Protein backbone atom coordinates (compact mmCIF):
# COMPACT_ATOMS: atom_id res chain seq x y z
CA MET A 1 -83.32 -12.13 -82.45
CA ALA A 2 -79.86 -12.42 -84.01
CA SER A 3 -79.03 -15.66 -85.78
CA ILE A 4 -76.58 -17.11 -88.30
CA HIS A 5 -77.16 -19.20 -91.39
CA LYS A 6 -75.41 -20.31 -94.56
CA LYS A 7 -75.63 -18.19 -97.69
CA ARG A 8 -74.60 -19.11 -101.23
CA LEU A 9 -73.02 -16.25 -103.14
CA SER A 10 -73.47 -15.62 -106.87
CA ARG A 11 -70.24 -17.43 -107.73
CA GLY A 12 -71.26 -20.49 -105.74
CA ARG A 13 -69.09 -19.80 -102.69
CA ILE A 14 -70.81 -20.43 -99.35
CA VAL A 15 -70.37 -18.08 -96.39
CA TRP A 16 -72.13 -17.59 -93.07
CA GLU A 17 -74.41 -14.60 -92.66
CA LEU A 18 -75.70 -12.90 -89.50
CA THR A 19 -79.20 -11.39 -89.48
CA HIS A 20 -81.01 -9.38 -86.84
CA GLY A 21 -84.41 -7.66 -86.80
CA ARG A 22 -87.22 -7.53 -89.32
CA GLY A 23 -88.45 -5.33 -92.10
CA PRO A 24 -86.51 -2.24 -93.21
CA ASN A 25 -84.43 -2.23 -89.99
CA ARG A 26 -83.16 -5.75 -90.60
CA ILE A 27 -79.37 -6.10 -90.32
CA ARG A 28 -77.57 -8.53 -92.60
CA LEU A 29 -73.81 -8.94 -92.63
CA LYS A 30 -71.15 -11.52 -93.29
CA ALA A 31 -70.31 -13.41 -90.10
CA GLY A 32 -67.43 -15.57 -91.36
CA GLU A 33 -66.23 -18.22 -93.74
CA THR A 34 -66.82 -21.11 -91.32
CA LYS A 35 -69.37 -21.93 -88.66
CA PRO A 36 -66.94 -21.38 -85.73
CA GLU A 37 -66.10 -17.91 -87.10
CA ALA A 38 -69.79 -17.12 -87.48
CA GLU A 39 -70.56 -18.32 -83.95
CA ALA A 40 -67.81 -16.10 -82.54
CA THR A 41 -69.20 -13.12 -84.49
CA LEU A 42 -72.70 -13.87 -83.21
CA ALA A 43 -71.42 -13.98 -79.62
CA HIS A 44 -69.80 -10.55 -80.06
CA PHE A 45 -73.00 -9.18 -81.57
CA LYS A 46 -75.20 -10.48 -78.73
CA ARG A 47 -72.81 -9.10 -76.12
CA GLN A 48 -72.92 -5.65 -77.69
CA LEU A 49 -76.71 -5.87 -78.06
CA ALA A 50 -77.12 -6.69 -74.37
CA PHE A 51 -74.75 -3.90 -73.32
CA GLN A 52 -76.13 -1.13 -75.57
CA GLY A 53 -79.76 -2.25 -75.75
CA ALA A 54 -79.78 -1.75 -79.51
CA ALA A 55 -78.02 -3.03 -82.60
CA PRO A 56 -74.95 -1.10 -83.82
CA THR A 57 -75.73 1.96 -85.95
CA ASP A 58 -74.19 2.27 -89.39
CA VAL A 59 -71.97 5.33 -89.79
CA LYS A 60 -69.74 6.47 -92.61
CA LEU A 61 -66.01 6.13 -91.99
CA ASP A 62 -65.31 9.83 -92.58
CA LYS A 63 -68.01 10.86 -90.12
CA ALA A 64 -66.72 8.45 -87.48
CA VAL A 65 -63.17 9.81 -87.88
CA ASN A 66 -64.43 13.39 -87.51
CA LEU A 67 -66.46 12.53 -84.43
CA TYR A 68 -63.47 10.78 -82.92
CA GLY A 69 -61.40 13.89 -83.63
CA ASN A 70 -63.87 15.96 -81.63
CA TYR A 71 -63.66 13.41 -78.82
CA LEU A 72 -59.85 13.67 -78.82
CA ASP A 73 -59.96 17.47 -78.66
CA VAL A 74 -61.99 17.30 -75.44
CA ASN A 75 -60.45 14.25 -73.74
CA ARG A 76 -56.80 14.20 -74.77
CA ARG A 77 -53.89 16.59 -74.65
CA PRO A 78 -53.32 18.66 -77.82
CA GLY A 79 -50.16 16.78 -78.77
CA THR A 80 -51.82 13.39 -78.33
CA ALA A 81 -54.89 14.48 -80.29
CA HIS A 82 -52.69 15.77 -83.11
CA ARG A 83 -50.79 12.47 -83.39
CA TYR A 84 -53.94 10.32 -83.33
CA LYS A 85 -55.62 12.46 -85.98
CA ARG A 86 -52.54 12.20 -88.16
CA VAL A 87 -52.57 8.40 -87.90
CA LEU A 88 -56.25 8.25 -88.86
CA ARG A 89 -55.63 10.55 -91.82
CA THR A 90 -52.93 8.13 -92.96
CA LEU A 91 -55.35 5.21 -92.60
CA ARG A 92 -58.06 7.09 -94.51
CA THR A 93 -55.59 7.89 -97.31
CA PHE A 94 -54.64 4.22 -97.51
CA LEU A 95 -58.25 3.01 -97.68
CA SER A 96 -59.23 5.53 -100.35
CA GLU A 97 -56.24 4.57 -102.48
CA PHE A 98 -56.12 0.79 -102.09
CA HIS A 99 -59.66 -0.14 -100.92
CA ALA A 100 -61.95 2.43 -102.48
CA GLY A 101 -65.08 0.38 -101.71
CA VAL A 102 -64.80 1.04 -97.96
CA GLU A 103 -67.33 3.76 -97.11
CA LEU A 104 -68.97 2.58 -93.89
CA LEU A 105 -67.03 2.06 -90.69
CA ARG A 106 -68.19 -1.55 -90.47
CA ASP A 107 -66.75 -2.19 -93.94
CA VAL A 108 -63.20 -2.02 -92.53
CA ARG A 109 -61.93 -5.59 -92.25
CA THR A 110 -58.97 -7.16 -90.53
CA SER A 111 -57.56 -7.95 -93.97
CA HIS A 112 -57.55 -4.21 -94.77
CA LEU A 113 -55.58 -3.47 -91.61
CA GLU A 114 -53.12 -6.26 -92.30
CA ASP A 115 -52.64 -4.74 -95.76
CA PHE A 116 -52.12 -1.30 -94.13
CA LYS A 117 -49.45 -2.78 -91.87
CA ARG A 118 -47.64 -4.41 -94.80
CA ARG A 119 -47.80 -1.42 -97.14
CA ARG A 120 -46.83 1.02 -94.39
CA LEU A 121 -43.69 -0.98 -93.74
CA ALA A 122 -42.90 -1.10 -97.47
CA GLY A 123 -43.28 2.69 -97.76
CA GLU A 124 -46.22 2.50 -100.16
CA ILE A 125 -48.48 4.82 -98.15
CA LYS A 126 -47.89 8.55 -98.43
CA GLU A 127 -49.18 10.86 -95.72
CA ILE A 128 -50.93 14.08 -96.64
CA GLN A 129 -50.39 17.36 -94.83
CA THR A 130 -53.41 19.35 -93.75
CA GLU A 131 -53.95 22.89 -95.00
CA LEU A 132 -52.99 24.25 -91.58
CA GLU A 133 -49.71 22.31 -91.60
CA LEU A 134 -48.93 23.50 -95.13
CA GLU A 135 -49.60 27.13 -94.15
CA LYS A 136 -47.36 26.81 -91.08
CA ASP A 137 -44.63 25.17 -93.14
CA GLN A 138 -44.71 27.93 -95.76
CA ALA A 139 -44.76 30.70 -93.13
CA LEU A 140 -41.71 29.25 -91.37
CA ARG A 141 -39.81 28.86 -94.64
CA ARG A 142 -40.55 32.47 -95.58
CA GLU A 143 -39.34 33.64 -92.17
CA LEU A 144 -36.26 31.44 -92.45
CA ALA A 145 -35.38 32.99 -95.80
CA THR A 146 -35.58 36.53 -94.39
CA PRO A 147 -32.32 37.78 -92.77
CA SER A 148 -33.01 38.78 -89.18
CA LYS A 149 -31.07 38.82 -85.91
CA GLU A 150 -34.17 37.87 -83.94
CA ARG A 151 -34.56 34.76 -86.06
CA PHE A 152 -31.47 33.16 -84.50
CA GLN A 153 -32.61 34.02 -80.97
CA ASN A 154 -35.80 32.06 -81.51
CA ARG A 155 -34.55 29.34 -83.83
CA GLY A 156 -36.08 26.53 -81.76
CA LYS A 157 -39.40 26.90 -83.53
CA PHE A 158 -37.79 26.17 -86.90
CA GLY A 159 -37.10 22.63 -85.72
CA TRP A 160 -40.73 21.93 -86.66
CA LEU A 161 -39.65 21.86 -90.30
CA GLY A 162 -37.40 18.86 -89.76
CA ARG A 163 -38.94 17.18 -86.75
CA TRP A 164 -42.45 16.94 -88.17
CA GLY A 165 -41.51 16.12 -91.74
CA LEU A 166 -43.71 13.46 -93.33
CA HIS A 167 -41.91 10.27 -94.28
CA GLU A 168 -43.16 7.46 -96.47
CA LYS A 169 -40.97 4.75 -94.96
CA VAL A 170 -41.12 4.41 -91.19
CA THR A 171 -39.83 1.99 -88.58
CA GLN A 172 -41.65 -0.99 -87.14
CA ARG A 173 -41.87 0.81 -83.81
CA THR A 174 -43.71 3.71 -85.47
CA ILE A 175 -46.09 1.31 -87.22
CA ASN A 176 -46.81 -0.41 -83.89
CA TYR A 177 -47.74 2.98 -82.44
CA GLU A 178 -50.03 3.68 -85.39
CA LEU A 179 -51.71 0.28 -85.05
CA GLN A 180 -52.32 0.94 -81.36
CA CYS A 181 -53.89 4.32 -82.23
CA ILE A 182 -56.18 2.61 -84.74
CA HIS A 183 -57.08 -0.05 -82.17
CA THR A 184 -58.06 2.70 -79.72
CA PHE A 185 -60.21 4.34 -82.40
CA PHE A 186 -62.19 1.13 -83.00
CA ARG A 187 -62.60 0.60 -79.25
CA TRP A 188 -64.15 4.06 -79.08
CA ALA A 189 -66.44 3.15 -82.00
CA ILE A 190 -67.64 0.06 -80.11
CA ARG A 191 -68.47 2.22 -77.07
CA GLN A 192 -70.45 4.52 -79.37
CA ASN A 193 -72.32 1.46 -80.70
CA TYR A 194 -71.03 1.92 -84.24
CA LEU A 195 -69.41 -1.54 -84.20
CA PHE A 196 -69.76 -4.73 -82.19
CA CYS A 197 -66.24 -6.15 -82.69
CA ASN A 198 -62.81 -4.64 -83.17
CA PRO A 199 -61.23 -5.52 -86.55
CA MET A 200 -57.81 -4.59 -85.12
CA SER A 201 -57.86 -7.30 -82.45
CA PRO A 202 -56.48 -10.13 -84.64
CA VAL A 203 -53.71 -7.91 -86.08
CA GLU A 204 -50.38 -8.64 -84.41
CA LEU A 205 -47.84 -5.94 -83.68
CA PHE A 206 -44.27 -6.29 -84.88
CA ARG A 207 -42.05 -8.07 -82.41
CA LEU A 208 -39.33 -5.64 -81.38
CA PRO A 209 -36.22 -6.10 -79.27
CA ARG A 210 -36.59 -4.99 -75.70
CA LYS A 211 -35.46 -1.49 -74.91
CA THR A 212 -32.26 -1.14 -72.93
CA LEU A 213 -32.63 -0.06 -69.35
CA PRO A 214 -32.59 3.71 -68.82
CA LYS A 215 -29.08 5.10 -68.24
CA PHE A 216 -28.16 7.22 -65.25
CA VAL A 217 -25.10 9.29 -64.44
CA THR A 218 -22.78 7.83 -61.80
CA ALA A 219 -21.64 9.81 -58.78
CA SER A 220 -18.09 10.14 -60.11
CA ASP A 221 -19.31 11.42 -63.50
CA LEU A 222 -21.61 13.88 -61.76
CA MET A 223 -18.65 15.30 -59.84
CA SER A 224 -16.70 15.72 -63.08
CA PHE A 225 -19.74 17.18 -64.82
CA PHE A 226 -20.49 19.85 -62.22
CA GLY A 227 -16.78 20.60 -61.90
CA ALA A 228 -16.80 21.65 -65.55
CA CYS A 229 -19.89 23.90 -65.17
CA ASN A 230 -19.85 27.62 -64.66
CA PRO A 231 -21.99 28.92 -61.74
CA GLU A 232 -25.08 29.47 -63.90
CA GLU A 233 -24.87 26.04 -65.56
CA ARG A 234 -24.36 24.43 -62.16
CA ARG A 235 -27.59 25.98 -60.89
CA ILE A 236 -29.53 24.91 -64.00
CA PHE A 237 -28.52 21.26 -64.07
CA SER A 238 -28.46 20.89 -60.28
CA THR A 239 -32.11 21.95 -60.27
CA MET A 240 -32.94 19.23 -62.80
CA LEU A 241 -30.93 16.60 -60.93
CA LEU A 242 -32.39 17.44 -57.50
CA THR A 243 -36.03 17.58 -58.69
CA GLY A 244 -36.24 14.87 -61.38
CA MET A 245 -38.17 17.26 -63.61
CA ARG A 246 -38.64 16.61 -67.31
CA LYS A 247 -37.08 19.01 -69.80
CA GLY A 248 -40.43 20.66 -70.54
CA GLU A 249 -41.21 21.02 -66.82
CA LEU A 250 -37.85 22.65 -66.18
CA LYS A 251 -38.06 25.05 -69.12
CA ASN A 252 -41.59 26.13 -68.17
CA LEU A 253 -40.89 26.51 -64.45
CA THR A 254 -41.95 29.95 -63.19
CA TRP A 255 -41.24 31.71 -59.91
CA SER A 256 -44.93 31.42 -59.01
CA ASP A 257 -44.44 27.63 -59.03
CA VAL A 258 -41.73 27.89 -56.34
CA ASN A 259 -42.96 28.34 -52.78
CA PHE A 260 -39.97 28.96 -50.49
CA GLN A 261 -42.16 29.21 -47.37
CA LEU A 262 -43.70 25.77 -47.83
CA GLY A 263 -40.53 24.36 -49.37
CA ILE A 264 -42.23 22.90 -52.43
CA ILE A 265 -42.35 23.25 -56.21
CA PHE A 266 -45.67 22.96 -58.06
CA ILE A 267 -45.69 21.23 -61.44
CA GLN A 268 -48.84 22.58 -63.07
CA SER A 269 -50.20 23.58 -66.46
CA LYS A 270 -49.80 27.08 -67.86
CA GLU A 271 -51.06 29.00 -70.84
CA GLY A 272 -49.61 27.34 -73.93
CA TRP A 273 -48.13 24.37 -72.06
CA ASN A 274 -49.44 21.31 -70.22
CA PRO A 275 -47.32 18.78 -68.28
CA LYS A 276 -47.28 15.18 -69.46
CA THR A 277 -48.81 14.01 -66.18
CA ASP A 278 -51.22 15.39 -63.61
CA LYS A 279 -50.25 18.15 -61.20
CA ARG A 280 -47.73 17.15 -58.58
CA VAL A 281 -45.59 18.62 -55.80
CA ILE A 282 -41.82 18.27 -55.47
CA PRO A 283 -40.23 19.01 -52.06
CA ILE A 284 -37.31 21.45 -51.98
CA SER A 285 -34.28 19.99 -50.23
CA PRO A 286 -31.90 22.26 -48.25
CA VAL A 287 -29.31 22.09 -51.05
CA LEU A 288 -31.90 22.87 -53.72
CA ASN A 289 -33.30 25.70 -51.57
CA GLN A 290 -29.87 27.36 -51.53
CA ILE A 291 -29.53 26.94 -55.30
CA LEU A 292 -32.96 28.44 -56.02
CA LEU A 293 -32.34 31.39 -53.66
CA GLU A 294 -29.11 32.13 -55.47
CA GLN A 295 -30.92 31.84 -58.80
CA TYR A 296 -33.61 34.22 -57.55
CA GLU A 297 -31.05 36.81 -56.48
CA LYS A 298 -29.46 36.72 -59.94
CA ARG A 299 -32.71 36.30 -61.84
CA ARG A 300 -33.05 37.70 -65.36
CA SER A 301 -36.82 37.36 -65.50
CA GLU A 302 -39.65 37.98 -63.07
CA ARG A 303 -41.48 35.02 -64.58
CA TRP A 304 -39.10 32.28 -65.73
CA VAL A 305 -36.82 30.53 -63.25
CA LEU A 306 -34.42 29.70 -66.09
CA ALA A 307 -34.08 32.63 -68.47
CA ASN A 308 -31.59 33.76 -71.08
CA GLN A 309 -29.88 37.17 -71.23
CA ASN A 310 -32.98 38.69 -72.83
CA GLY A 311 -35.24 37.48 -70.03
CA ASN A 312 -36.94 34.89 -72.25
CA ARG A 313 -37.41 31.23 -71.44
CA LEU A 314 -34.12 29.34 -71.66
CA SER A 315 -33.66 26.91 -74.54
CA HIS A 316 -30.95 24.69 -76.11
CA LEU A 317 -30.31 22.90 -72.81
CA LEU A 318 -29.14 19.74 -74.57
CA ASP A 319 -26.44 21.65 -76.45
CA LYS A 320 -25.18 23.08 -73.16
CA LEU A 321 -25.23 19.63 -71.56
CA LYS A 322 -23.19 18.01 -74.34
CA ALA A 323 -20.65 20.84 -74.32
CA ILE A 324 -20.13 20.40 -70.56
CA CYS A 325 -19.76 16.61 -70.93
CA LYS A 326 -17.09 17.15 -73.59
CA LYS A 327 -15.29 19.67 -71.40
CA ALA A 328 -15.45 17.30 -68.41
CA GLY A 329 -14.16 14.37 -70.48
CA ILE A 330 -17.08 12.08 -69.66
CA ARG A 331 -19.43 10.10 -71.87
CA PRO A 332 -22.09 12.32 -73.49
CA THR A 333 -25.41 12.05 -71.69
CA THR A 334 -28.94 13.38 -72.11
CA LEU A 335 -31.24 15.61 -70.12
CA HIS A 336 -33.48 12.64 -69.35
CA SER A 337 -30.49 10.80 -67.87
CA LEU A 338 -30.41 13.42 -65.11
CA ARG A 339 -34.06 12.57 -64.41
CA HIS A 340 -33.19 8.86 -64.29
CA SER A 341 -30.28 9.70 -61.98
CA PHE A 342 -32.69 11.43 -59.61
CA GLY A 343 -34.79 8.27 -59.33
CA ALA A 344 -31.81 5.92 -59.20
CA HIS A 345 -30.02 7.77 -56.40
CA LEU A 346 -33.27 8.00 -54.42
CA ARG A 347 -33.66 4.25 -54.71
CA MET A 348 -30.06 3.70 -53.59
CA ALA A 349 -30.86 5.87 -50.56
CA GLY A 350 -33.72 3.51 -49.65
CA VAL A 351 -36.72 5.52 -50.89
CA SER A 352 -39.68 3.31 -51.85
CA LEU A 353 -40.78 2.96 -55.48
CA ALA A 354 -44.21 4.37 -54.63
CA ASP A 355 -42.66 7.57 -53.25
CA ILE A 356 -40.33 7.83 -56.25
CA ALA A 357 -43.35 7.45 -58.55
CA ASP A 358 -45.08 10.38 -56.81
CA LEU A 359 -42.01 12.59 -57.02
CA MET A 360 -41.31 11.82 -60.69
CA GLY A 361 -44.93 11.90 -61.83
CA HIS A 362 -45.06 8.26 -62.99
CA LYS A 363 -48.43 6.53 -63.00
CA ASP A 364 -46.91 3.07 -63.49
CA LEU A 365 -44.50 1.71 -60.88
CA THR A 366 -42.83 -0.47 -63.53
CA THR A 367 -41.46 2.72 -65.08
CA ASP A 368 -39.67 3.53 -61.85
CA LEU A 369 -38.56 -0.08 -61.50
CA LYS A 370 -36.83 0.08 -64.91
CA CYS A 371 -35.28 3.41 -64.00
CA CYS A 372 -33.95 2.15 -60.69
CA CYS A 373 -32.83 -1.28 -61.94
CA SER A 374 -30.33 0.48 -64.19
CA THR A 375 -28.59 1.47 -60.96
CA LEU A 376 -27.68 -2.17 -60.34
CA ALA A 377 -26.44 -2.82 -63.89
């Protein structure tokens, strides 16, 4: 049976210790500096013991991180798994450099995580690239240094060099994201019965100013915008406005996703690309139907709905959008603003938030509420 008692350390300091079991399987660990802290730790331990039926199993930190990586590969999207693994590599680098004595997962304390938060903000923690990232970086730089006409037709992939650069000093918002990733990791460890309490729970996130409401394009600006488009650009951005698709969904839209007979568009995963949300269906309005039929008649690819002159998937949509805004003499906007405009104008037409959520692929109605409230601002 688990219990707590006082223990005098070698230097005379008294702490509270938790013990459980007998013989070689006996568990002994520090429960807190005071009796209330120890009682709270004991309550957590008993709750986990009742839920799992056994005391938590000791596991090395490196092994736990690797096991969690395998879990992410199966249960999360590739991009999400990559980001979480990167955060945990940063944490592991920090612990090995500043707290070398931490070997077991249960050795990670709240004080360590508070120190991680402070040092990360100060830029004292340097991330380390994996061998795969280094190889990709070097391959891209070699290709970039080689003169080639094809290089400029596919220059989007070279953005990886700048977009994924590793920075020592990051913003508070980025650190909050990293702390949330670490919190999720420890929650997983509790479910695996490697821990009985989450050391991240007492760590507070940075308090950040609230984000501004999403911006949408007014009806008058839309008229000016489409008046400055050529026929092809009008079809491209009308499709985005009339469907509320994300940039990735629009770029990866294929003709097999468009069913003219049923009057619907399928948003679904494809080889090499997965949507941010689950599969969904977008109805094709009469206006959109005419636009897509015209696009099909003048198609450049049998696969991609939006294709360049070479028949490849269209890219650099944001550059086109900004150039049109400049030509139209309106405030520069973003591709996502067209998505917000889709939701905002639906709401102004009286469509319910639940229906807008289904059409836009939002799981949380508050997302649509923020999008539509910007209409009233």
